[in-house]
PDB file of N, CA and C in Angstrom:
ATOM      1  N   MET A   1      -6.242  41.253   0.528  1.00  0.00           N
ATOM      2  CA  MET A   1      -5.062  40.445   0.559  1.00  0.00           C
ATOM      3  C   MET A   1      -5.600  38.759   1.145  1.00  0.00           C
ATOM      4  N   ASP A   2      -6.907  38.751   1.482  1.00  0.00           N
ATOM      5  CA  ASP A   2      -7.280  37.424   2.068  1.00  0.00           C
ATOM      6  C   ASP A   2      -7.484  36.336   0.943  1.00  0.00           C
ATOM      7  N   TRP A   3      -7.626  36.848  -0.376  1.00  0.00           N
ATOM      8  CA  TRP A   3      -7.674  35.836  -1.161  1.00  0.00           C
ATOM      9  C   TRP A   3      -6.213  35.245  -1.487  1.00  0.00           C
ATOM     10  N   LEU A   4      -5.244  36.057  -1.146  1.00  0.00           N
ATOM     11  CA  LEU A   4      -3.833  35.372  -1.469  1.00  0.00           C
ATOM     12  C   LEU A   4      -3.603  34.168  -0.293  1.00  0.00           C
ATOM     13  N   ARG A   5      -3.832  34.625   0.744  1.00  0.00           N
ATOM     14  CA  ARG A   5      -3.906  33.462   2.041  1.00  0.00           C
ATOM     15  C   ARG A   5      -4.649  32.255   1.719  1.00  0.00           C
ATOM     16  N   TRP A   6      -5.907  32.426   1.117  1.00  0.00           N
ATOM     17  CA  TRP A   6      -6.762  31.352   0.814  1.00  0.00           C
ATOM     18  C   TRP A   6      -6.058  30.330  -0.178  1.00  0.00           C
ATOM     19  N   GLN A   7      -5.699  30.927  -1.177  1.00  0.00           N
ATOM     20  CA  GLN A   7      -4.994  30.286  -2.560  1.00  0.00           C
ATOM     21  C   GLN A   7      -3.707  29.570  -1.883  1.00  0.00           C
ATOM     22  N   LEU A   8      -2.956  30.227  -0.916  1.00  0.00           N
ATOM     23  CA  LEU A   8      -1.570  29.618  -0.480  1.00  0.00           C
ATOM     24  C   LEU A   8      -1.963  28.407   0.344  1.00  0.00           C
ATOM     25  N   GLY A   9      -2.907  28.445   1.220  1.00  0.00           N
ATOM     26  CA  GLY A   9      -3.525  27.184   2.077  1.00  0.00           C
ATOM     27  C   GLY A   9      -3.953  26.156   0.975  1.00  0.00           C
ATOM     28  N   GLN A  10      -4.727  26.651   0.002  1.00  0.00           N
ATOM     29  CA  GLN A  10      -5.303  25.561  -0.637  1.00  0.00           C
ATOM     30  C   GLN A  10      -4.305  24.758  -1.473  1.00  0.00           C
ATOM     31  N   HIS A  11      -2.955  25.465  -2.086  1.00  0.00           N
ATOM     32  CA  HIS A  11      -1.931  24.748  -2.461  1.00  0.00           C
ATOM     33  C   HIS A  11      -1.247  23.848  -1.763  1.00  0.00           C
ATOM     34  N   LYS A  12      -1.001  24.529  -0.365  1.00  0.00           N
ATOM     35  CA  LYS A  12      -0.189  23.482   0.619  1.00  0.00           C
ATOM     36  C   LYS A  12      -1.055  22.243   0.686  1.00  0.00           C
ATOM     37  N   GLY A  13      -2.242  22.312   0.996  1.00  0.00           N
ATOM     38  CA  GLY A  13      -3.187  21.068   1.165  1.00  0.00           C
ATOM     39  C   GLY A  13      -2.964  20.151  -0.113  1.00  0.00           C
ATOM     40  N   LEU A  14      -3.069  20.946  -1.453  1.00  0.00           N
ATOM     41  CA  LEU A  14      -3.030  19.865  -2.617  1.00  0.00           C
ATOM     42  C   LEU A  14      -1.731  19.314  -2.685  1.00  0.00           C
ATOM     43  N   ILE A  15      -0.400  20.101  -2.425  1.00  0.00           N
ATOM     44  CA  ILE A  15       0.871  19.463  -2.277  1.00  0.00           C
ATOM     45  C   ILE A  15       0.972  18.407  -1.317  1.00  0.00           C
ATOM     46  N   PHE A  16       0.470  18.642  -0.116  1.00  0.00           N
ATOM     47  CA  PHE A  16       0.473  17.662   0.889  1.00  0.00           C
ATOM     48  C   PHE A  16      -0.227  16.247   0.333  1.00  0.00           C
ATOM     49  N   GLY A  17      -1.227  16.517  -0.199  1.00  0.00           N
ATOM     50  CA  GLY A  17      -2.098  15.188  -0.780  1.00  0.00           C
ATOM     51  C   GLY A  17      -1.223  14.520  -1.924  1.00  0.00           C
ATOM     52  N   LEU A  18      -0.776  15.242  -2.690  1.00  0.00           N
ATOM     53  CA  LEU A  18       0.080  14.455  -3.713  1.00  0.00           C
ATOM     54  C   LEU A  18       1.348  13.611  -3.187  1.00  0.00           C
ATOM     55  N   VAL A  19       1.855  14.414  -2.159  1.00  0.00           N
ATOM     56  CA  VAL A  19       3.362  13.894  -1.581  1.00  0.00           C
ATOM     57  C   VAL A  19       2.805  12.702  -0.669  1.00  0.00           C
ATOM     58  N   LEU A  20       1.748  12.594  -0.257  1.00  0.00           N
ATOM     59  CA  LEU A  20       1.162  11.425   0.497  1.00  0.00           C
ATOM     60  C   LEU A  20       0.684  10.273  -0.550  1.00  0.00           C
ATOM     61  N   LEU A  21       0.046  10.467  -1.343  1.00  0.00           N
ATOM     62  CA  LEU A  21      -0.238   9.779  -2.781  1.00  0.00           C
ATOM     63  C   LEU A  21       1.075   8.990  -3.133  1.00  0.00           C
ATOM     64  N   ALA A  22       1.940   9.920  -3.400  1.00  0.00           N
ATOM     65  CA  ALA A  22       3.368   9.378  -4.145  1.00  0.00           C
ATOM     66  C   ALA A  22       4.020   8.511  -2.919  1.00  0.00           C
ATOM     67  N   ALA A  23       3.881   8.664  -1.782  1.00  0.00           N
ATOM     68  CA  ALA A  23       4.542   7.829  -0.782  1.00  0.00           C
ATOM     69  C   ALA A  23       3.996   6.283  -0.726  1.00  0.00           C
ATOM     70  N   VAL A  24       2.502   6.545  -0.746  1.00  0.00           N
ATOM     71  CA  VAL A  24       1.797   5.196  -0.732  1.00  0.00           C
ATOM     72  C   VAL A  24       2.198   4.385  -2.211  1.00  0.00           C
ATOM     73  N   LEU A  25       2.215   5.100  -3.186  1.00  0.00           N
ATOM     74  CA  LEU A  25       2.465   4.345  -4.480  1.00  0.00           C
ATOM     75  C   LEU A  25       4.032   3.757  -4.491  1.00  0.00           C
ATOM     76  N   VAL A  26       4.825   4.506  -3.811  1.00  0.00           N
ATOM     77  CA  VAL A  26       6.192   3.878  -3.728  1.00  0.00           C
ATOM     78  C   VAL A  26       6.180   2.659  -2.744  1.00  0.00           C
ATOM     79  N   ALA A  27       5.542   2.924  -1.729  1.00  0.00           N
ATOM     80  CA  ALA A  27       5.532   1.709  -0.720  1.00  0.00           C
ATOM     81  C   ALA A  27       4.778   0.448  -1.419  1.00  0.00           C
ATOM     82  N   VAL A  28       3.889   0.519  -2.120  1.00  0.00           N
ATOM     83  CA  VAL A  28       3.176  -0.423  -2.899  1.00  0.00           C
ATOM     84  C   VAL A  28       4.148  -1.114  -3.929  1.00  0.00           C
ATOM     85  N   VAL A  29       4.854  -0.222  -4.513  1.00  0.00           N
ATOM     86  CA  VAL A  29       5.852  -0.733  -5.680  1.00  0.00           C
ATOM     87  C   VAL A  29       6.909  -1.465  -4.931  1.00  0.00           C
ATOM     88  N   LEU A  30       7.719  -0.822  -4.100  1.00  0.00           N
ATOM     89  CA  LEU A  30       8.751  -1.440  -3.498  1.00  0.00           C
ATOM     90  C   LEU A  30       8.425  -2.704  -2.608  1.00  0.00           C
ATOM     91  N   PHE A  31       7.300  -2.600  -1.847  1.00  0.00           N
ATOM     92  CA  PHE A  31       7.089  -3.757  -0.956  1.00  0.00           C
ATOM     93  C   PHE A  31       5.560  -4.429  -1.220  1.00  0.00           C
ATOM     94  N   PRO A  32       5.646  -4.992  -2.298  1.00  0.00           N
ATOM     95  CA  PRO A  32       4.268  -5.728  -2.726  1.00  0.00           C
ATOM     96  C   PRO A  32       3.617  -6.731  -1.745  1.00  0.00           C
ATOM     97  N   ALA A  33       2.470  -6.825  -1.593  1.00  0.00           N
ATOM     98  CA  ALA A  33       2.037  -7.779  -0.690  1.00  0.00           C
ATOM     99  C   ALA A  33       1.861  -9.293  -1.220  1.00  0.00           C
ATOM    100  N   GLY A  34       2.027 -10.175  -0.315  1.00  0.00           N
ATOM    101  CA  GLY A  34       1.987 -11.682  -1.068  1.00  0.00           C
ATOM    102  C   GLY A  34       3.219 -12.234  -1.431  1.00  0.00           C
ATOM    103  N   MET A  35       4.369 -11.591  -1.493  1.00  0.00           N
ATOM    104  CA  MET A  35       5.738 -12.110  -1.745  1.00  0.00           C
ATOM    105  C   MET A  35       6.057 -13.090  -1.018  1.00  0.00           C
ATOM    106  N   GLN A  36       5.486 -13.382   0.205  1.00  0.00           N
ATOM    107  CA  GLN A  36       6.198 -14.444   1.137  1.00  0.00           C
ATOM    108  C   GLN A  36       6.082 -15.778   0.438  1.00  0.00           C
ATOM    109  N   ASN A  37       5.098 -16.350  -0.017  1.00  0.00           N
ATOM    110  CA  ASN A  37       4.813 -17.668  -0.596  1.00  0.00           C
ATOM    111  C   ASN A  37       4.148 -17.585  -1.838  1.00  0.00           C
ATOM    112  N   THR A  38       4.892 -17.346  -2.799  1.00  0.00           N
ATOM    113  CA  THR A  38       4.339 -17.166  -4.047  1.00  0.00           C
ATOM    114  C   THR A  38       4.461 -18.549  -4.922  1.00  0.00           C
ATOM    115  N   ALA A  39       3.741 -18.830  -5.691  1.00  0.00           N
ATOM    116  CA  ALA A  39       3.897 -20.283  -6.324  1.00  0.00           C
ATOM    117  C   ALA A  39       4.636 -19.947  -7.740  1.00  0.00           C
ATOM    118  N   ALA A  40       5.088 -18.695  -8.242  1.00  0.00           N
ATOM    119  CA  ALA A  40       5.684 -18.328  -9.339  1.00  0.00           C
ATOM    120  C   ALA A  40       5.105 -18.960 -10.612  1.00  0.00           C
ATOM    121  N   GLY A  41       3.826 -19.103 -10.647  1.00  0.00           N
ATOM    122  CA  GLY A  41       3.277 -19.834 -11.778  1.00  0.00           C
ATOM    123  C   GLY A  41       3.418 -21.254 -12.095  1.00  0.00           C
ATOM    124  N   PHE A  42       3.856 -22.151 -11.047  1.00  0.00           N
ATOM    125  CA  PHE A  42       4.168 -23.578 -11.181  1.00  0.00           C
ATOM    126  C   PHE A  42       2.969 -24.412 -10.809  1.00  0.00           C
ATOM    127  N   GLY A  43       2.040 -24.075  -9.942  1.00  0.00           N
ATOM    128  CA  GLY A  43       0.874 -24.547  -9.545  1.00  0.00           C
ATOM    129  C   GLY A  43       0.892 -24.766  -8.037  1.00  0.00           C
ATOM    130  N   PRO A  44      -0.526 -25.520  -7.284  1.00  0.00           N
ATOM    131  CA  PRO A  44      -0.476 -25.835  -6.145  1.00  0.00           C
ATOM    132  C   PRO A  44       0.618 -26.701  -5.351  1.00  0.00           C
ATOM    133  N   ASP A  45       1.192 -27.529  -6.377  1.00  0.00           N
ATOM    134  CA  ASP A  45       1.846 -28.672  -5.658  1.00  0.00           C
ATOM    135  C   ASP A  45       3.365 -28.198  -5.627  1.00  0.00           C
ATOM    136  N   TRP A  46       3.581 -26.802  -5.771  1.00  0.00           N
ATOM    137  CA  TRP A  46       5.050 -26.110  -5.555  1.00  0.00           C
ATOM    138  C   TRP A  46       5.042 -25.249  -4.292  1.00  0.00           C
ATOM    139  N   GLU A  47       6.183 -25.282  -3.500  1.00  0.00           N
ATOM    140  CA  GLU A  47       6.291 -24.388  -2.595  1.00  0.00           C
ATOM    141  C   GLU A  47       7.368 -23.471  -2.733  1.00  0.00           C
ATOM    142  N   CYS A  48       7.077 -22.001  -2.990  1.00  0.00           N
ATOM    143  CA  CYS A  48       8.409 -21.137  -3.276  1.00  0.00           C
ATOM    144  C   CYS A  48       8.765 -20.301  -2.339  1.00  0.00           C
ATOM    145  N   ALA A  49       9.952 -19.956  -2.241  1.00  0.00           N
ATOM    146  CA  ALA A  49      10.422 -18.811  -1.419  1.00  0.00           C
ATOM    147  C   ALA A  49      11.141 -17.794  -2.122  1.00  0.00           C
ATOM    148  N   PRO A  50      10.879 -16.675  -1.794  1.00  0.00           N
ATOM    149  CA  PRO A  50      11.564 -15.382  -2.590  1.00  0.00           C
ATOM    150  C   PRO A  50      12.698 -15.174  -1.937  1.00  0.00           C
ATOM    151  N   GLN A  51      13.593 -14.568  -2.698  1.00  0.00           N
ATOM    152  CA  GLN A  51      15.100 -14.480  -2.352  1.00  0.00           C
ATOM    153  C   GLN A  51      15.227 -12.831  -2.363  1.00  0.00           C
ATOM    154  N   GLY A  52      16.295 -12.452  -1.826  1.00  0.00           N
ATOM    155  CA  GLY A  52      16.543 -11.004  -1.977  1.00  0.00           C
ATOM    156  C   GLY A  52      17.062 -10.545  -3.171  1.00  0.00           C
ATOM    157  N   GLN A  53      17.706 -11.340  -4.138  1.00  0.00           N
ATOM    158  CA  GLN A  53      17.975 -10.747  -5.323  1.00  0.00           C
ATOM    159  C   GLN A  53      17.793 -12.253  -6.256  1.00  0.00           C
ATOM    160  N   GLY A  54      17.150 -12.047  -7.442  1.00  0.00           N
ATOM    161  CA  GLY A  54      16.927 -13.094  -8.346  1.00  0.00           C
ATOM    162  C   GLY A  54      15.521 -13.733  -8.214  1.00  0.00           C
ATOM    163  N   GLY A  55      15.558 -14.839  -8.881  1.00  0.00           N
ATOM    164  CA  GLY A  55      14.163 -15.404  -8.578  1.00  0.00           C
ATOM    165  C   GLY A  55      13.919 -16.096  -7.421  1.00  0.00           C
ATOM    166  N   PRO A  56      12.574 -16.563  -7.122  1.00  0.00           N
ATOM    167  CA  PRO A  56      12.472 -17.500  -5.974  1.00  0.00           C
ATOM    168  C   PRO A  56      12.914 -19.100  -6.284  1.00  0.00           C
ATOM    169  N   ILE A  57      13.083 -19.683  -5.180  1.00  0.00           N
ATOM    170  CA  ILE A  57      13.550 -21.037  -5.135  1.00  0.00           C
ATOM    171  C   ILE A  57      12.411 -21.835  -4.784  1.00  0.00           C
ATOM    172  N   CYS A  58      11.948 -22.770  -5.790  1.00  0.00           N
ATOM    173  CA  CYS A  58      10.842 -23.389  -5.617  1.00  0.00           C
ATOM    174  C   CYS A  58      11.131 -25.078  -5.309  1.00  0.00           C
ATOM    175  N   ILE A  59      10.389 -25.622  -4.670  1.00  0.00           N
ATOM    176  CA  ILE A  59      10.580 -27.156  -4.455  1.00  0.00           C
ATOM    177  C   ILE A  59       9.132 -28.035  -4.403  1.00  0.00           C
ATOM    178  N   LYS A  60       9.192 -28.841  -5.291  1.00  0.00           N
ATOM    179  CA  LYS A  60       7.826 -29.622  -5.368  1.00  0.00           C
ATOM    180  C   LYS A  60       7.552 -30.334  -4.289  1.00  0.00           C
ATOM    181  N   LYS A  61       6.232 -30.130  -3.613  1.00  0.00           N
ATOM    182  CA  LYS A  61       5.797 -30.983  -2.538  1.00  0.00           C
ATOM    183  C   LYS A  61       5.592 -32.425  -2.893  1.00  0.00           C
ATOM    184  N   ILE A  62       5.776 -33.365  -1.771  1.00  0.00           N
ATOM    185  CA  ILE A  62       5.739 -35.035  -2.139  1.00  0.00           C
ATOM    186  C   ILE A  62       4.535 -35.146  -1.676  1.00  0.00           C
ATOM    187  N   ARG A  63       3.986 -36.006  -2.427  1.00  0.00           N
ATOM    188  CA  ARG A  63       2.551 -36.536  -2.313  1.00  0.00           C
ATOM    189  C   ARG A  63       2.524 -37.741  -1.520  1.00  0.00           C
ATOM    190  N   PRO A  64       1.575 -37.992  -0.562  1.00  0.00           N
ATOM    191  CA  PRO A  64       1.620 -39.029   0.437  1.00  0.00           C
ATOM    192  C   PRO A  64       1.001 -40.482  -0.309  1.00  0.00           C
TER     193      PRO A  64
END
């Protein structure tokens, strides 16, 4: 019956690894890096601030 104990231990490790991978993927999708100051495709002379819901609010920078 040692083979049964070995297989159960192997499956527990595999399941733990899959759960850990799923948690990392969910964190990456829900909390993407770089959302704090995105230009939203307007260019470097725009400053955008992300909002909780909806699109970002963008303001064009004044040139001196």
